[in-house]
Amino acid sequence: MIFAQHFHVVGVANQIAYDTEKLKSTEAEKKRLLSVRLLVDEVADNKVQGWHERAKVFEYPDRLIDVEDGTGTVNKAKPGARINEVEVGLEIPVGEAFATAIQCGATATDVWGSYIYELY
């Protein structure tokens, strides 16, 4: 069975902000992270990152990720396909966690998403 866990990371200017909930593997629920679905609220040349404990698993510029457009007056469409799911394929050892982060420059932006996982 495939499961999903939602997350939201609030970006902070000139800092790396992490998902505080994280996807945690326990003895009762050993998790295999299949992928991470992503959405950012705007493009500001920030970096979206995936972390397994202290190891950076992925890093993408926000220009490559789907953007939420809530204004209706601004066309944020760019040529080419945008990423909305990153394959990971990581068995998270018991007691460890995976987190998504956003490294912001001068403009803080948020990232929303879901961890797609199964139990093993």
C-alpha atoms as a PDB file:
ATOM      1  CA  MET A   1       0.000   0.000   0.000  1.00  0.00           C
ATOM      2  CA  ILE A   2       1.218   3.500  -0.824  1.00  0.00           C
ATOM      3  CA  PHE A   3       0.912   6.284   1.777  1.00  0.00           C
ATOM      4  CA  ALA A   4       1.331  10.065   1.657  1.00  0.00           C
ATOM      5  CA  GLN A   5       2.384  12.552   4.330  1.00  0.00           C
ATOM      6  CA  HIS A   6       1.850  16.270   3.688  1.00  0.00           C
ATOM      7  CA  PHE A   7       4.436  18.919   4.584  1.00  0.00           C
ATOM      8  CA  HIS A   8       4.788  22.691   4.362  1.00  0.00           C
ATOM      9  CA  VAL A   9       8.075  24.547   4.808  1.00  0.00           C
ATOM     10  CA  VAL A  10       7.937  28.271   5.483  1.00  0.00           C
ATOM     11  CA  GLY A  11      10.980  29.882   3.916  1.00  0.00           C
ATOM     12  CA  VAL A  12      13.130  32.420   5.776  1.00  0.00           C
ATOM     13  CA  ALA A  13      15.222  35.001   3.911  1.00  0.00           C
ATOM     14  CA  ASN A  14      18.940  34.154   3.742  1.00  0.00           C
ATOM     15  CA  GLN A  15      18.502  30.846   5.607  1.00  0.00           C
ATOM     16  CA  ILE A  16      17.716  27.168   5.099  1.00  0.00           C
ATOM     17  CA  ALA A  17      14.312  26.225   6.545  1.00  0.00           C
ATOM     18  CA  TYR A  18      13.457  22.545   7.125  1.00  0.00           C
ATOM     19  CA  ASP A  19      10.251  20.549   7.347  1.00  0.00           C
ATOM     20  CA  THR A  20       9.845  20.148  11.107  1.00  0.00           C
ATOM     21  CA  GLU A  21       7.528  17.123  10.907  1.00  0.00           C
ATOM     22  CA  LYS A  22       9.870  15.048   8.689  1.00  0.00           C
ATOM     23  CA  LEU A  23       9.188  11.521   7.459  1.00  0.00           C
ATOM     24  CA  LYS A  24      10.374   9.315  10.335  1.00  0.00           C
ATOM     25  CA  SER A  25      10.955   5.572  10.327  1.00  0.00           C
ATOM     26  CA  THR A  26      10.109   3.685  13.528  1.00  0.00           C
ATOM     27  CA  GLU A  27      10.292   0.056  14.587  1.00  0.00           C
ATOM     28  CA  ALA A  28       6.501  -0.172  14.184  1.00  0.00           C
ATOM     29  CA  GLU A  29       6.531   1.644  10.798  1.00  0.00           C
ATOM     30  CA  LYS A  30       9.693   1.182   8.738  1.00  0.00           C
ATOM     31  CA  LYS A  31       9.346   3.513   5.775  1.00  0.00           C
ATOM     32  CA  ARG A  32      10.632   3.393   2.207  1.00  0.00           C
ATOM     33  CA  LEU A  33      10.442   6.843   0.638  1.00  0.00           C
ATOM     34  CA  LEU A  34       9.440   6.434  -2.994  1.00  0.00           C
ATOM     35  CA  SER A  35       9.209  10.079  -4.030  1.00  0.00           C
ATOM     36  CA  VAL A  36       8.545  13.649  -2.943  1.00  0.00           C
ATOM     37  CA  ARG A  37       5.867  15.775  -4.624  1.00  0.00           C
ATOM     38  CA  LEU A  38       6.711  19.483  -4.669  1.00  0.00           C
ATOM     39  CA  LEU A  39       5.132  22.888  -5.251  1.00  0.00           C
ATOM     40  CA  VAL A  40       6.593  26.352  -4.567  1.00  0.00           C
ATOM     41  CA  ASP A  41       4.652  29.576  -4.145  1.00  0.00           C
ATOM     42  CA  GLU A  42       6.854  31.636  -6.467  1.00  0.00           C
ATOM     43  CA  VAL A  43      10.152  31.647  -8.325  1.00  0.00           C
ATOM     44  CA  ALA A  44      12.894  33.574  -6.511  1.00  0.00           C
ATOM     45  CA  ASP A  45      16.047  31.647  -7.434  1.00  0.00           C
ATOM     46  CA  ASN A  46      15.888  29.648  -4.208  1.00  0.00           C
ATOM     47  CA  LYS A  47      16.888  25.981  -3.847  1.00  0.00           C
ATOM     48  CA  VAL A  48      14.610  23.117  -2.793  1.00  0.00           C
ATOM     49  CA  GLN A  49      16.519  20.350  -1.035  1.00  0.00           C
ATOM     50  CA  GLY A  50      15.900  16.832   0.256  1.00  0.00           C
ATOM     51  CA  TRP A  51      17.838  15.582   3.283  1.00  0.00           C
ATOM     52  CA  HIS A  52      18.294  12.131   4.825  1.00  0.00           C
ATOM     53  CA  GLU A  53      19.678  13.073   8.215  1.00  0.00           C
ATOM     54  CA  ARG A  54      22.850  15.046   7.266  1.00  0.00           C
ATOM     55  CA  ALA A  55      23.153  13.797   3.682  1.00  0.00           C
ATOM     56  CA  LYS A  56      21.728  15.993   0.929  1.00  0.00           C
ATOM     57  CA  VAL A  57      19.809  13.670  -1.410  1.00  0.00           C
ATOM     58  CA  PHE A  58      18.667  16.276  -3.961  1.00  0.00           C
ATOM     59  CA  GLU A  59      18.794  19.987  -4.680  1.00  0.00           C
ATOM     60  CA  TYR A  60      16.812  21.733  -7.415  1.00  0.00           C
ATOM     61  CA  PRO A  61      16.462  25.407  -8.276  1.00  0.00           C
ATOM     62  CA  ASP A  62      12.904  26.597  -7.748  1.00  0.00           C
ATOM     63  CA  ARG A  63      12.752  27.534 -11.449  1.00  0.00           C
ATOM     64  CA  LEU A  64      12.431  23.826 -12.252  1.00  0.00           C
ATOM     65  CA  ILE A  65       9.528  23.141  -9.865  1.00  0.00           C
ATOM     66  CA  ASP A  66       5.789  23.685 -10.355  1.00  0.00           C
ATOM     67  CA  VAL A  67       4.641  27.090  -9.117  1.00  0.00           C
ATOM     68  CA  GLU A  68       1.394  27.945  -7.379  1.00  0.00           C
ATOM     69  CA  ASP A  69      -0.281  30.928  -9.006  1.00  0.00           C
ATOM     70  CA  GLY A  70      -2.915  32.415  -6.758  1.00  0.00           C
ATOM     71  CA  THR A  71      -3.006  35.918  -8.203  1.00  0.00           C
ATOM     72  CA  GLY A  72      -4.798  35.292 -11.473  1.00  0.00           C
ATOM     73  CA  THR A  73      -3.132  38.402 -12.893  1.00  0.00           C
ATOM     74  CA  VAL A  74       0.426  37.135 -13.218  1.00  0.00           C
ATOM     75  CA  ASN A  75       1.393  34.550 -15.810  1.00  0.00           C
ATOM     76  CA  LYS A  76       4.111  32.388 -14.242  1.00  0.00           C
ATOM     77  CA  ALA A  77       4.152  29.920 -17.104  1.00  0.00           C
ATOM     78  CA  LYS A  78       7.600  29.139 -18.431  1.00  0.00           C
ATOM     79  CA  PRO A  79       8.536  27.077 -21.469  1.00  0.00           C
ATOM     80  CA  GLY A  80       9.277  23.426 -20.828  1.00  0.00           C
ATOM     81  CA  ALA A  81       8.084  20.913 -18.304  1.00  0.00           C
ATOM     82  CA  ARG A  82       8.312  21.599 -14.580  1.00  0.00           C
ATOM     83  CA  ILE A  83       9.193  19.080 -11.893  1.00  0.00           C
ATOM     84  CA  ASN A  84       6.389  18.136  -9.552  1.00  0.00           C
ATOM     85  CA  GLU A  85       7.696  14.793  -8.297  1.00  0.00           C
ATOM     86  CA  VAL A  86      11.231  13.736  -7.388  1.00  0.00           C
ATOM     87  CA  GLU A  87      11.956  10.006  -7.241  1.00  0.00           C
ATOM     88  CA  VAL A  88      14.000   9.058  -4.168  1.00  0.00           C
ATOM     89  CA  GLY A  89      13.837   5.273  -3.487  1.00  0.00           C
ATOM     90  CA  LEU A  90      15.280   5.383   0.048  1.00  0.00           C
ATOM     91  CA  GLU A  91      14.713   2.855   2.834  1.00  0.00           C
ATOM     92  CA  ILE A  92      14.842   5.046   5.930  1.00  0.00           C
ATOM     93  CA  PRO A  93      16.532   3.150   8.796  1.00  0.00           C
ATOM     94  CA  VAL A  94      14.688   2.946  12.126  1.00  0.00           C
ATOM     95  CA  GLY A  95      15.236   6.104  14.154  1.00  0.00           C
ATOM     96  CA  GLU A  96      16.188   8.210  11.138  1.00  0.00           C
ATOM     97  CA  ALA A  97      14.232  10.751   9.103  1.00  0.00           C
ATOM     98  CA  PHE A  98      13.959  12.480   5.725  1.00  0.00           C
ATOM     99  CA  ALA A  99      13.172  16.189   5.450  1.00  0.00           C
ATOM    100  CA  THR A 100      12.546  18.697   2.686  1.00  0.00           C
ATOM    101  CA  ALA A 101      14.110  22.143   2.980  1.00  0.00           C
ATOM    102  CA  ILE A 102      14.207  25.422   1.115  1.00  0.00           C
ATOM    103  CA  GLN A 103      17.365  27.512   0.958  1.00  0.00           C
ATOM    104  CA  CYS A 104      16.269  31.090   0.427  1.00  0.00           C
ATOM    105  CA  GLY A 105      18.225  34.107  -0.723  1.00  0.00           C
ATOM    106  CA  ALA A 106      16.908  37.613  -0.136  1.00  0.00           C
ATOM    107  CA  THR A 107      13.318  36.587  -1.009  1.00  0.00           C
ATOM    108  CA  ALA A 108      11.669  33.996   1.223  1.00  0.00           C
ATOM    109  CA  THR A 109       9.371  31.500  -0.485  1.00  0.00           C
ATOM    110  CA  ASP A 110       7.478  28.448   0.774  1.00  0.00           C
ATOM    111  CA  VAL A 111       7.402  24.872  -0.439  1.00  0.00           C
ATOM    112  CA  TRP A 112       4.478  22.452  -0.076  1.00  0.00           C
ATOM    113  CA  GLY A 113       4.428  18.793  -0.841  1.00  0.00           C
ATOM    114  CA  SER A 114       3.889  15.188   0.129  1.00  0.00           C
ATOM    115  CA  TYR A 115       6.183  12.321   0.961  1.00  0.00           C
ATOM    116  CA  ILE A 116       5.039   9.263  -0.982  1.00  0.00           C
ATOM    117  CA  TYR A 117       6.115   6.119   0.870  1.00  0.00           C
ATOM    118  CA  GLU A 118       5.397   2.507   1.663  1.00  0.00           C
ATOM    119  CA  LEU A 119       6.075   0.333   4.691  1.00  0.00           C
ATOM    120  CA  TYR A 120       8.665  -2.422   4.501  1.00  0.00           C
END
